[in-house]
Amino acid sequence: MTHTDIEITAELIRDLLRDQHPDLAGRPLRLGARGWDNQLWRLGDDLAVRLPWATQSADALLRKEHAWLPALAPQLPLQIPVPQRLGEPSQRFPRPWIVTTWVPGRPADRAPATRGAEAADALAAFLTALHQPAPTGAPSGRDRGGPLAHHAEQFARQLASATELGLVPDPDAVRAVWEDAAAAPDWAGPALWLHGDLHPANVLTTDGTFCGVIDFGDLCAGDPACDLAAPWALLPENAADHFHAAYQPTPDAATLRRARGWAVLRALAGIRIGDAGVHGRPGGKPTWGPPAHEALRRLTAAAPR
């Protein structure tokens, strides 16, 4: 993590808008959230400004969203933040920034879905619509949509760290899920569009079901198993089977095995980040812990032995 040396304030954003998009500079402005990569500021009722403030990679991720999301958005049944303007680096702020549509709702790590069937149908419809063959030139999916075997060392580090801290009750069961997933055949189909980061903080809810999906910084093309990991952390108890029946085409056994491996990776990361938040370490997000622990419980309950 590397936070910007420039303090991001309403006054700074107002100046940036006056310089590059003066027609938006008079709108009401207020802080929305400080995310992992970006700060999000509400701009009136229907827009938002996102500015990178932490990871260096955020610059390229914002430009990727600006390039690809406007064409994808009309195909998707849930709302997503559609880029409207791009802000270029300047003396005032030496990094790119973006103006998008505002997506109403509450993050699922703070307001989990409670209507299982409706939430499963909404998530399945979204991923069915998104998971279409990506065009030539789409962002590479090696990290998020490539072979699961590329993440073997990451899994081992995460499991060892979480186990040492007493955060994983049954590490052998976790390892069994991973080993079964890693042994599954690789994806042999076309590279499909993926969100790449469908954890609860990036999916929005209202009235107990999903209403929007945000943060497409990891948008890429690859194996749909990466996104199909989401039901274990996002859906209420016993709703994953409903999701798998509603998602089209019905995932085969190998894809579901790989999806469980991706779900384990994401759960271990969420547990560590959640624990950091509980114990006050920098970068911690305590609301990430409970859904990650619940996902790991569900995954290991039926772990192969």
C-alpha atoms as a PDB file:
ATOM      1  CA  MET A   1       0.000   0.000   0.000  1.00  0.00           C
ATOM      2  CA  THR A   2       1.306   3.453  -0.893  1.00  0.00           C
ATOM      3  CA  HIS A   3      -0.992   6.341  -0.080  1.00  0.00           C
ATOM      4  CA  THR A   4      -0.657   9.459  -2.167  1.00  0.00           C
ATOM      5  CA  ASP A   5       1.351  12.325  -0.718  1.00  0.00           C
ATOM      6  CA  ILE A   6      -1.413  14.708  -1.756  1.00  0.00           C
ATOM      7  CA  GLU A   7      -4.369  15.014   0.601  1.00  0.00           C
ATOM      8  CA  ILE A   8      -7.578  14.411  -1.322  1.00  0.00           C
ATOM      9  CA  THR A   9     -10.158  17.001  -0.297  1.00  0.00           C
ATOM     10  CA  ALA A  10     -13.350  18.446  -1.712  1.00  0.00           C
ATOM     11  CA  GLU A  11     -11.408  21.597  -2.580  1.00  0.00           C
ATOM     12  CA  LEU A  12      -8.854  19.617  -4.586  1.00  0.00           C
ATOM     13  CA  ILE A  13     -11.550  17.744  -6.507  1.00  0.00           C
ATOM     14  CA  ARG A  14     -13.400  20.978  -7.193  1.00  0.00           C
ATOM     15  CA  ASP A  15     -10.197  22.469  -8.624  1.00  0.00           C
ATOM     16  CA  LEU A  16      -9.619  19.402 -10.800  1.00  0.00           C
ATOM     17  CA  LEU A  17     -13.137  19.626 -12.162  1.00  0.00           C
ATOM     18  CA  ARG A  18     -12.797  23.351 -12.866  1.00  0.00           C
ATOM     19  CA  ASP A  19      -9.587  22.670 -14.800  1.00  0.00           C
ATOM     20  CA  GLN A  20     -10.756  19.733 -16.910  1.00  0.00           C
ATOM     21  CA  HIS A  21     -14.556  19.379 -16.670  1.00  0.00           C
ATOM     22  CA  PRO A  22     -15.862  22.809 -15.639  1.00  0.00           C
ATOM     23  CA  ASP A  23     -19.497  21.960 -16.392  1.00  0.00           C
ATOM     24  CA  LEU A  24     -19.430  19.567 -13.411  1.00  0.00           C
ATOM     25  CA  ALA A  25     -17.577  21.813 -10.963  1.00  0.00           C
ATOM     26  CA  GLY A  26     -20.668  23.389  -9.416  1.00  0.00           C
ATOM     27  CA  ARG A  27     -22.306  20.152  -8.311  1.00  0.00           C
ATOM     28  CA  PRO A  28     -22.535  19.223  -4.594  1.00  0.00           C
ATOM     29  CA  LEU A  29     -19.551  17.128  -3.514  1.00  0.00           C
ATOM     30  CA  ARG A  30     -19.100  14.847  -0.510  1.00  0.00           C
ATOM     31  CA  LEU A  31     -16.950  11.880   0.477  1.00  0.00           C
ATOM     32  CA  GLY A  32     -18.527   8.527  -0.272  1.00  0.00           C
ATOM     33  CA  ALA A  33     -15.886   5.965   0.730  1.00  0.00           C
ATOM     34  CA  ARG A  34     -12.176   5.260   0.991  1.00  0.00           C
ATOM     35  CA  GLY A  35     -11.640   1.999  -0.843  1.00  0.00           C
ATOM     36  CA  TRP A  36      -8.675  -0.316  -1.284  1.00  0.00           C
ATOM     37  CA  ASP A  37      -7.375   1.473  -4.392  1.00  0.00           C
ATOM     38  CA  ASN A  38      -9.452   4.641  -4.724  1.00  0.00           C
ATOM     39  CA  GLN A  39     -11.360   7.292  -2.870  1.00  0.00           C
ATOM     40  CA  LEU A  40     -14.953   7.738  -3.998  1.00  0.00           C
ATOM     41  CA  TRP A  41     -16.699  11.109  -3.808  1.00  0.00           C
ATOM     42  CA  ARG A  42     -20.372  11.729  -4.569  1.00  0.00           C
ATOM     43  CA  LEU A  43     -20.862  14.381  -7.260  1.00  0.00           C
ATOM     44  CA  GLY A  44     -24.461  15.496  -7.125  1.00  0.00           C
ATOM     45  CA  ASP A  45     -27.085  12.741  -7.007  1.00  0.00           C
ATOM     46  CA  ASP A  46     -26.123  10.705 -10.050  1.00  0.00           C
ATOM     47  CA  LEU A  47     -22.321  10.883 -10.462  1.00  0.00           C
ATOM     48  CA  ALA A  48     -19.176   9.977  -8.531  1.00  0.00           C
ATOM     49  CA  VAL A  49     -15.487  10.909  -8.739  1.00  0.00           C
ATOM     50  CA  ARG A  50     -12.905   8.174  -8.137  1.00  0.00           C
ATOM     51  CA  LEU A  51      -9.310   9.119  -7.433  1.00  0.00           C
ATOM     52  CA  PRO A  52      -6.468   6.636  -6.818  1.00  0.00           C
ATOM     53  CA  TRP A  53      -4.939   7.064  -3.393  1.00  0.00           C
ATOM     54  CA  ALA A  54      -3.254   3.765  -2.504  1.00  0.00           C
ATOM     55  CA  THR A  55      -1.929   1.123  -4.890  1.00  0.00           C
ATOM     56  CA  GLN A  56       0.155   2.298  -7.840  1.00  0.00           C
ATOM     57  CA  SER A  57      -1.718  -0.101 -10.117  1.00  0.00           C
ATOM     58  CA  ALA A  58      -4.922   1.891  -9.615  1.00  0.00           C
ATOM     59  CA  ASP A  59      -3.969   4.291 -12.425  1.00  0.00           C
ATOM     60  CA  ALA A  60      -4.063   1.588 -15.093  1.00  0.00           C
ATOM     61  CA  LEU A  61      -7.201   0.057 -13.593  1.00  0.00           C
ATOM     62  CA  LEU A  62      -9.130   3.313 -13.910  1.00  0.00           C
ATOM     63  CA  ARG A  63      -8.082   3.702 -17.530  1.00  0.00           C
ATOM     64  CA  LYS A  64      -9.158   0.117 -18.205  1.00  0.00           C
ATOM     65  CA  GLU A  65     -12.615   0.772 -16.793  1.00  0.00           C
ATOM     66  CA  HIS A  66     -12.924   3.944 -18.873  1.00  0.00           C
ATOM     67  CA  ALA A  67     -12.019   1.991 -22.022  1.00  0.00           C
ATOM     68  CA  TRP A  68     -14.276  -1.054 -21.611  1.00  0.00           C
ATOM     69  CA  LEU A  69     -17.213  -0.483 -19.252  1.00  0.00           C
ATOM     70  CA  PRO A  70     -19.338   1.837 -21.443  1.00  0.00           C
ATOM     71  CA  ALA A  71     -19.768  -0.963 -24.001  1.00  0.00           C
ATOM     72  CA  LEU A  72     -20.396  -3.672 -21.375  1.00  0.00           C
ATOM     73  CA  ALA A  73     -22.885  -1.782 -19.198  1.00  0.00           C
ATOM     74  CA  PRO A  74     -25.947  -1.988 -21.521  1.00  0.00           C
ATOM     75  CA  GLN A  75     -25.677  -5.792 -21.577  1.00  0.00           C
ATOM     76  CA  LEU A  76     -25.789  -6.214 -17.780  1.00  0.00           C
ATOM     77  CA  PRO A  77     -28.977  -6.581 -15.692  1.00  0.00           C
ATOM     78  CA  LEU A  78     -27.491  -4.979 -12.541  1.00  0.00           C
ATOM     79  CA  GLN A  79     -26.289  -1.401 -12.365  1.00  0.00           C
ATOM     80  CA  ILE A  80     -22.566  -0.755 -12.657  1.00  0.00           C
ATOM     81  CA  PRO A  81     -20.555   2.512 -12.491  1.00  0.00           C
ATOM     82  CA  VAL A  82     -20.399   3.690 -16.101  1.00  0.00           C
ATOM     83  CA  PRO A  83     -17.447   6.019 -16.855  1.00  0.00           C
ATOM     84  CA  GLN A  84     -18.517   9.469 -18.081  1.00  0.00           C
ATOM     85  CA  ARG A  85     -15.301  11.511 -18.007  1.00  0.00           C
ATOM     86  CA  LEU A  86     -11.584  10.861 -17.630  1.00  0.00           C
ATOM     87  CA  GLY A  87      -9.338  13.212 -15.700  1.00  0.00           C
ATOM     88  CA  GLU A  88      -5.718  13.322 -16.825  1.00  0.00           C
ATOM     89  CA  PRO A  89      -2.682  13.752 -14.528  1.00  0.00           C
ATOM     90  CA  SER A  90      -1.778  17.366 -13.811  1.00  0.00           C
ATOM     91  CA  GLN A  91       0.352  19.474 -11.490  1.00  0.00           C
ATOM     92  CA  ARG A  92      -2.518  19.534  -9.002  1.00  0.00           C
ATOM     93  CA  PHE A  93      -2.910  15.748  -8.997  1.00  0.00           C
ATOM     94  CA  PRO A  94      -0.304  13.633 -10.844  1.00  0.00           C
ATOM     95  CA  ARG A  95      -2.530  10.596 -11.439  1.00  0.00           C
ATOM     96  CA  PRO A  96      -5.541   9.904 -13.674  1.00  0.00           C
ATOM     97  CA  TRP A  97      -9.026  10.012 -12.158  1.00  0.00           C
ATOM     98  CA  ILE A  98     -12.491   9.247 -13.401  1.00  0.00           C
ATOM     99  CA  VAL A  99     -16.106  10.440 -13.217  1.00  0.00           C
ATOM    100  CA  THR A 100     -18.696   7.643 -13.314  1.00  0.00           C
ATOM    101  CA  THR A 101     -22.385   7.171 -12.724  1.00  0.00           C
ATOM    102  CA  TRP A 102     -23.325   6.647  -9.078  1.00  0.00           C
ATOM    103  CA  VAL A 103     -24.698   3.193  -8.206  1.00  0.00           C
ATOM    104  CA  PRO A 104     -27.075   3.256  -5.212  1.00  0.00           C
ATOM    105  CA  GLY A 105     -27.098   0.469  -2.649  1.00  0.00           C
ATOM    106  CA  ARG A 106     -25.141  -0.796   0.344  1.00  0.00           C
ATOM    107  CA  PRO A 107     -22.066  -3.052   0.098  1.00  0.00           C
ATOM    108  CA  ALA A 108     -22.895  -6.667   0.892  1.00  0.00           C
ATOM    109  CA  ASP A 109     -20.160  -6.881   3.533  1.00  0.00           C
ATOM    110  CA  ARG A 110     -22.238  -4.382   5.524  1.00  0.00           C
ATOM    111  CA  ALA A 111     -25.736  -5.330   4.345  1.00  0.00           C
ATOM    112  CA  PRO A 112     -25.706  -9.007   3.285  1.00  0.00           C
ATOM    113  CA  ALA A 113     -28.333 -10.409   0.952  1.00  0.00           C
ATOM    114  CA  THR A 114     -31.150 -12.063   2.897  1.00  0.00           C
ATOM    115  CA  ARG A 115     -33.576 -13.152   0.169  1.00  0.00           C
ATOM    116  CA  GLY A 116     -31.768 -16.251  -1.030  1.00  0.00           C
ATOM    117  CA  ALA A 117     -33.656 -17.168  -4.199  1.00  0.00           C
ATOM    118  CA  GLU A 118     -33.945 -13.580  -5.433  1.00  0.00           C
ATOM    119  CA  ALA A 119     -30.267 -12.863  -4.735  1.00  0.00           C
ATOM    120  CA  ALA A 120     -29.173 -16.111  -6.426  1.00  0.00           C
ATOM    121  CA  ASP A 121     -31.264 -15.267  -9.501  1.00  0.00           C
ATOM    122  CA  ALA A 122     -29.878 -11.711  -9.632  1.00  0.00           C
ATOM    123  CA  LEU A 123     -26.261 -12.865  -9.351  1.00  0.00           C
ATOM    124  CA  ALA A 124     -26.768 -15.654 -11.891  1.00  0.00           C
ATOM    125  CA  ALA A 125     -28.392 -13.281 -14.391  1.00  0.00           C
ATOM    126  CA  PHE A 126     -25.541 -10.801 -13.995  1.00  0.00           C
ATOM    127  CA  LEU A 127     -22.788 -13.376 -14.506  1.00  0.00           C
ATOM    128  CA  THR A 128     -24.629 -15.102 -17.352  1.00  0.00           C
ATOM    129  CA  ALA A 129     -24.789 -11.751 -19.148  1.00  0.00           C
ATOM    130  CA  LEU A 130     -21.188 -10.803 -18.334  1.00  0.00           C
ATOM    131  CA  HIS A 131     -19.571 -14.150 -19.136  1.00  0.00           C
ATOM    132  CA  GLN A 132     -19.496 -13.740 -22.907  1.00  0.00           C
ATOM    133  CA  PRO A 133     -16.456 -14.231 -25.163  1.00  0.00           C
ATOM    134  CA  ALA A 134     -14.184 -11.212 -24.829  1.00  0.00           C
ATOM    135  CA  PRO A 135     -12.927  -9.463 -27.967  1.00  0.00           C
ATOM    136  CA  THR A 136      -9.377  -9.396 -29.203  1.00  0.00           C
ATOM    137  CA  GLY A 137      -7.418  -6.903 -27.149  1.00  0.00           C
ATOM    138  CA  ALA A 138      -9.374  -7.469 -23.935  1.00  0.00           C
ATOM    139  CA  PRO A 139      -7.260  -7.271 -20.759  1.00  0.00           C
ATOM    140  CA  SER A 140      -5.327 -10.437 -19.973  1.00  0.00           C
ATOM    141  CA  GLY A 141      -6.748 -12.654 -17.251  1.00  0.00           C
ATOM    142  CA  ARG A 142      -3.600 -14.469 -16.165  1.00  0.00           C
ATOM    143  CA  ASP A 143      -3.866 -13.375 -12.531  1.00  0.00           C
ATOM    144  CA  ARG A 144      -7.627 -13.648 -12.072  1.00  0.00           C
ATOM    145  CA  GLY A 145      -8.783 -15.823 -14.956  1.00  0.00           C
ATOM    146  CA  GLY A 146      -5.785 -18.040 -15.651  1.00  0.00           C
ATOM    147  CA  PRO A 147      -4.899 -21.506 -14.343  1.00  0.00           C
ATOM    148  CA  LEU A 148      -5.432 -21.972 -10.630  1.00  0.00           C
ATOM    149  CA  ALA A 149      -1.995 -23.596 -10.360  1.00  0.00           C
ATOM    150  CA  HIS A 150      -0.395 -20.174 -10.793  1.00  0.00           C
ATOM    151  CA  HIS A 151      -1.642 -19.330  -7.281  1.00  0.00           C
ATOM    152  CA  ALA A 152      -0.291 -22.356  -5.404  1.00  0.00           C
ATOM    153  CA  GLU A 153       2.369 -20.355  -3.545  1.00  0.00           C
ATOM    154  CA  GLN A 154      -0.144 -17.623  -2.693  1.00  0.00           C
ATOM    155  CA  PHE A 155      -2.514 -20.230  -1.261  1.00  0.00           C
ATOM    156  CA  ALA A 156       0.228 -21.825   0.826  1.00  0.00           C
ATOM    157  CA  ARG A 157       1.308 -18.450   2.262  1.00  0.00           C
ATOM    158  CA  GLN A 158      -2.237 -17.372   3.052  1.00  0.00           C
ATOM    159  CA  LEU A 159      -3.158 -20.647   4.715  1.00  0.00           C
ATOM    160  CA  ALA A 160       0.043 -20.750   6.774  1.00  0.00           C
ATOM    161  CA  SER A 161      -0.420 -17.166   7.939  1.00  0.00           C
ATOM    162  CA  ALA A 162      -4.085 -17.578   8.826  1.00  0.00           C
ATOM    163  CA  THR A 163      -3.423 -20.877  10.587  1.00  0.00           C
ATOM    164  CA  GLU A 164      -0.583 -19.389  12.632  1.00  0.00           C
ATOM    165  CA  LEU A 165      -2.948 -16.656  13.823  1.00  0.00           C
ATOM    166  CA  GLY A 166      -5.598 -19.198  14.781  1.00  0.00           C
ATOM    167  CA  LEU A 167      -8.054 -17.960  12.163  1.00  0.00           C
ATOM    168  CA  VAL A 168      -8.650 -21.314  10.389  1.00  0.00           C
ATOM    169  CA  PRO A 169     -10.224 -24.062  12.537  1.00  0.00           C
ATOM    170  CA  ASP A 170      -9.468 -26.918  10.120  1.00  0.00           C
ATOM    171  CA  PRO A 171      -6.527 -26.180   7.820  1.00  0.00           C
ATOM    172  CA  ASP A 172      -6.497 -29.776   6.528  1.00  0.00           C
ATOM    173  CA  ALA A 173     -10.041 -29.364   5.212  1.00  0.00           C
ATOM    174  CA  VAL A 174      -9.074 -26.086   3.542  1.00  0.00           C
ATOM    175  CA  ARG A 175      -6.066 -27.761   1.954  1.00  0.00           C
ATOM    176  CA  ALA A 176      -8.287 -30.597   0.698  1.00  0.00           C
ATOM    177  CA  VAL A 177     -10.599 -28.141  -1.082  1.00  0.00           C
ATOM    178  CA  TRP A 178      -7.618 -26.433  -2.693  1.00  0.00           C
ATOM    179  CA  GLU A 179      -5.910 -29.647  -3.792  1.00  0.00           C
ATOM    180  CA  ASP A 180      -9.107 -30.941  -5.370  1.00  0.00           C
ATOM    181  CA  ALA A 181      -9.606 -27.639  -7.193  1.00  0.00           C
ATOM    182  CA  ALA A 182      -6.010 -27.467  -8.396  1.00  0.00           C
ATOM    183  CA  ALA A 183      -6.295 -31.012  -9.782  1.00  0.00           C
ATOM    184  CA  ALA A 184      -9.355 -30.141 -11.894  1.00  0.00           C
ATOM    185  CA  PRO A 185      -8.865 -29.775 -15.669  1.00  0.00           C
ATOM    186  CA  ASP A 186      -8.106 -26.225 -16.814  1.00  0.00           C
ATOM    187  CA  TRP A 187     -10.679 -24.136 -18.658  1.00  0.00           C
ATOM    188  CA  ALA A 188     -10.697 -25.118 -22.335  1.00  0.00           C
ATOM    189  CA  GLY A 189     -13.330 -22.708 -23.583  1.00  0.00           C
ATOM    190  CA  PRO A 190     -12.976 -19.181 -24.971  1.00  0.00           C
ATOM    191  CA  ALA A 191     -11.716 -16.398 -22.723  1.00  0.00           C
ATOM    192  CA  LEU A 192     -14.863 -14.872 -21.192  1.00  0.00           C
ATOM    193  CA  TRP A 193     -15.336 -11.429 -19.699  1.00  0.00           C
ATOM    194  CA  LEU A 194     -14.817 -11.575 -15.914  1.00  0.00           C
ATOM    195  CA  HIS A 195     -15.360  -9.088 -13.129  1.00  0.00           C
ATOM    196  CA  GLY A 196     -12.374 -10.640 -11.359  1.00  0.00           C
ATOM    197  CA  ASP A 197     -13.027  -9.352  -7.831  1.00  0.00           C
ATOM    198  CA  LEU A 198     -16.545 -10.322  -6.753  1.00  0.00           C
ATOM    199  CA  HIS A 199     -16.153 -10.127  -2.985  1.00  0.00           C
ATOM    200  CA  PRO A 200     -18.945  -8.731  -0.771  1.00  0.00           C
ATOM    201  CA  ALA A 201     -17.586  -5.170  -0.634  1.00  0.00           C
ATOM    202  CA  ASN A 202     -17.948  -4.933  -4.430  1.00  0.00           C
ATOM    203  CA  VAL A 203     -21.577  -6.076  -4.681  1.00  0.00           C
ATOM    204  CA  LEU A 204     -24.430  -3.804  -3.574  1.00  0.00           C
ATOM    205  CA  THR A 205     -27.738  -4.738  -1.995  1.00  0.00           C
ATOM    206  CA  THR A 206     -31.158  -3.241  -1.417  1.00  0.00           C
ATOM    207  CA  ASP A 207     -34.248  -4.890   0.082  1.00  0.00           C
ATOM    208  CA  GLY A 208     -32.329  -8.101   0.750  1.00  0.00           C
ATOM    209  CA  THR A 209     -31.115  -8.767  -2.794  1.00  0.00           C
ATOM    210  CA  PHE A 210     -28.430  -7.536  -5.176  1.00  0.00           C
ATOM    211  CA  CYS A 211     -28.882  -4.272  -7.051  1.00  0.00           C
ATOM    212  CA  GLY A 212     -25.434  -3.339  -8.365  1.00  0.00           C
ATOM    213  CA  VAL A 213     -21.806  -4.344  -8.878  1.00  0.00           C
ATOM    214  CA  ILE A 214     -18.890  -1.938  -8.512  1.00  0.00           C
ATOM    215  CA  ASP A 215     -15.080  -1.787  -8.826  1.00  0.00           C
ATOM    216  CA  PHE A 216     -14.234  -3.342 -12.187  1.00  0.00           C
ATOM    217  CA  GLY A 217     -10.524  -2.665 -11.795  1.00  0.00           C
ATOM    218  CA  ASP A 218      -9.760  -6.377 -12.225  1.00  0.00           C
ATOM    219  CA  LEU A 219     -11.931  -6.714 -15.339  1.00  0.00           C
ATOM    220  CA  CYS A 220     -10.280  -9.281 -17.604  1.00  0.00           C
ATOM    221  CA  ALA A 221     -10.847 -12.226 -19.921  1.00  0.00           C
ATOM    222  CA  GLY A 222     -10.408 -15.827 -18.837  1.00  0.00           C
ATOM    223  CA  ASP A 223     -11.860 -18.769 -16.900  1.00  0.00           C
ATOM    224  CA  PRO A 224     -15.357 -18.074 -15.483  1.00  0.00           C
ATOM    225  CA  ALA A 225     -14.507 -20.152 -12.383  1.00  0.00           C
ATOM    226  CA  CYS A 226     -12.883 -17.043 -10.913  1.00  0.00           C
ATOM    227  CA  ASP A 227     -16.259 -15.249 -10.745  1.00  0.00           C
ATOM    228  CA  LEU A 228     -18.222 -18.418  -9.964  1.00  0.00           C
ATOM    229  CA  ALA A 229     -16.463 -18.453  -6.594  1.00  0.00           C
ATOM    230  CA  ALA A 230     -18.747 -15.612  -5.496  1.00  0.00           C
ATOM    231  CA  PRO A 231     -21.850 -17.518  -4.278  1.00  0.00           C
ATOM    232  CA  TRP A 232     -20.091 -19.008  -1.239  1.00  0.00           C
ATOM    233  CA  ALA A 233     -19.401 -15.538   0.208  1.00  0.00           C
ATOM    234  CA  LEU A 234     -22.297 -13.533  -1.216  1.00  0.00           C
ATOM    235  CA  LEU A 235     -25.411 -15.662  -0.892  1.00  0.00           C
ATOM    236  CA  PRO A 236     -27.408 -16.698   2.166  1.00  0.00           C
ATOM    237  CA  GLU A 237     -27.182 -20.260   3.449  1.00  0.00           C
ATOM    238  CA  ASN A 238     -28.347 -22.940   0.989  1.00  0.00           C
ATOM    239  CA  ALA A 239     -28.723 -20.538  -1.952  1.00  0.00           C
ATOM    240  CA  ALA A 240     -25.603 -21.596  -3.914  1.00  0.00           C
ATOM    241  CA  ASP A 241     -27.374 -24.557  -5.557  1.00  0.00           C
ATOM    242  CA  HIS A 242     -30.131 -22.208  -6.735  1.00  0.00           C
ATOM    243  CA  PHE A 243     -27.465 -19.970  -8.258  1.00  0.00           C
ATOM    244  CA  HIS A 244     -25.754 -22.854 -10.055  1.00  0.00           C
ATOM    245  CA  ALA A 245     -29.097 -23.961 -11.531  1.00  0.00           C
ATOM    246  CA  ALA A 246     -29.914 -20.431 -12.723  1.00  0.00           C
ATOM    247  CA  TYR A 247     -26.515 -19.578 -14.213  1.00  0.00           C
ATOM    248  CA  GLN A 248     -26.191 -20.450 -17.898  1.00  0.00           C
ATOM    249  CA  PRO A 249     -24.664 -22.501 -19.315  1.00  0.00           C
ATOM    250  CA  THR A 250     -24.776 -24.826 -16.323  1.00  0.00           C
ATOM    251  CA  PRO A 251     -21.173 -25.087 -15.066  1.00  0.00           C
ATOM    252  CA  ASP A 252     -19.559 -28.483 -15.447  1.00  0.00           C
ATOM    253  CA  ALA A 253     -17.995 -30.376 -12.551  1.00  0.00           C
ATOM    254  CA  ALA A 254     -14.440 -29.237 -13.339  1.00  0.00           C
ATOM    255  CA  THR A 255     -15.470 -25.572 -13.415  1.00  0.00           C
ATOM    256  CA  LEU A 256     -17.205 -25.905 -10.043  1.00  0.00           C
ATOM    257  CA  ARG A 257     -14.112 -27.567  -8.583  1.00  0.00           C
ATOM    258  CA  ARG A 258     -11.931 -24.682  -9.791  1.00  0.00           C
ATOM    259  CA  ALA A 259     -14.512 -22.204  -8.484  1.00  0.00           C
ATOM    260  CA  ARG A 260     -14.156 -23.693  -5.002  1.00  0.00           C
ATOM    261  CA  GLY A 261     -10.404 -23.157  -5.231  1.00  0.00           C
ATOM    262  CA  TRP A 262     -10.900 -19.499  -6.145  1.00  0.00           C
ATOM    263  CA  ALA A 263     -13.419 -19.200  -3.302  1.00  0.00           C
ATOM    264  CA  VAL A 264     -10.856 -20.562  -0.822  1.00  0.00           C
ATOM    265  CA  LEU A 265      -8.237 -18.063  -2.018  1.00  0.00           C
ATOM    266  CA  ARG A 266     -10.675 -15.166  -1.678  1.00  0.00           C
ATOM    267  CA  ALA A 267     -11.893 -16.346   1.726  1.00  0.00           C
ATOM    268  CA  LEU A 268      -8.363 -16.612   3.130  1.00  0.00           C
ATOM    269  CA  ALA A 269      -7.555 -13.122   1.875  1.00  0.00           C
ATOM    270  CA  GLY A 270     -10.759 -11.743   3.378  1.00  0.00           C
ATOM    271  CA  ILE A 271     -10.069 -13.406   6.728  1.00  0.00           C
ATOM    272  CA  ARG A 272      -6.587 -11.889   6.911  1.00  0.00           C
ATOM    273  CA  ILE A 273      -7.797  -8.427   5.900  1.00  0.00           C
ATOM    274  CA  GLY A 274     -10.709  -8.684   8.305  1.00  0.00           C
ATOM    275  CA  ASP A 275      -8.450  -9.763  11.151  1.00  0.00           C
ATOM    276  CA  ALA A 276      -6.151  -6.817  10.436  1.00  0.00           C
ATOM    277  CA  GLY A 277      -9.131  -4.524  10.832  1.00  0.00           C
ATOM    278  CA  VAL A 278     -10.221  -6.121  14.096  1.00  0.00           C
ATOM    279  CA  HIS A 279      -6.718  -5.895  15.549  1.00  0.00           C
ATOM    280  CA  GLY A 280      -5.928  -2.424  14.255  1.00  0.00           C
ATOM    281  CA  ARG A 281      -3.237  -3.236  11.728  1.00  0.00           C
ATOM    282  CA  PRO A 282      -2.968  -0.862   8.740  1.00  0.00           C
ATOM    283  CA  GLY A 283      -5.228  -1.628   5.803  1.00  0.00           C
ATOM    284  CA  GLY A 284      -7.670  -3.697   7.812  1.00  0.00           C
ATOM    285  CA  LYS A 285     -11.375  -3.910   6.967  1.00  0.00           C
ATOM    286  CA  PRO A 286     -13.238  -5.672   9.778  1.00  0.00           C
ATOM    287  CA  THR A 287     -16.440  -6.097   7.736  1.00  0.00           C
ATOM    288  CA  TRP A 288     -14.570  -8.392   5.335  1.00  0.00           C
ATOM    289  CA  GLY A 289     -13.984 -11.019   8.003  1.00  0.00           C
ATOM    290  CA  PRO A 290     -17.475 -12.443   8.686  1.00  0.00           C
ATOM    291  CA  PRO A 291     -18.436 -13.279   5.078  1.00  0.00           C
ATOM    292  CA  ALA A 292     -14.965 -14.729   4.476  1.00  0.00           C
ATOM    293  CA  HIS A 293     -15.217 -16.982   7.546  1.00  0.00           C
ATOM    294  CA  GLU A 294     -18.712 -18.051   6.480  1.00  0.00           C
ATOM    295  CA  ALA A 295     -17.507 -18.884   2.963  1.00  0.00           C
ATOM    296  CA  LEU A 296     -14.657 -20.998   4.347  1.00  0.00           C
ATOM    297  CA  ARG A 297     -17.059 -22.807   6.688  1.00  0.00           C
ATOM    298  CA  ARG A 298     -19.348 -23.689   3.780  1.00  0.00           C
ATOM    299  CA  LEU A 299     -16.495 -24.778   1.545  1.00  0.00           C
ATOM    300  CA  THR A 300     -14.887 -27.048   4.131  1.00  0.00           C
ATOM    301  CA  ALA A 301     -18.175 -28.552   5.307  1.00  0.00           C
ATOM    302  CA  ALA A 302     -18.221 -30.694   2.153  1.00  0.00           C
ATOM    303  CA  ALA A 303     -14.460 -30.857   1.604  1.00  0.00           C
ATOM    304  CA  PRO A 304     -13.087 -33.984  -0.063  1.00  0.00           C
ATOM    305  CA  ARG A 305     -10.905 -36.045   2.266  1.00  0.00           C
END
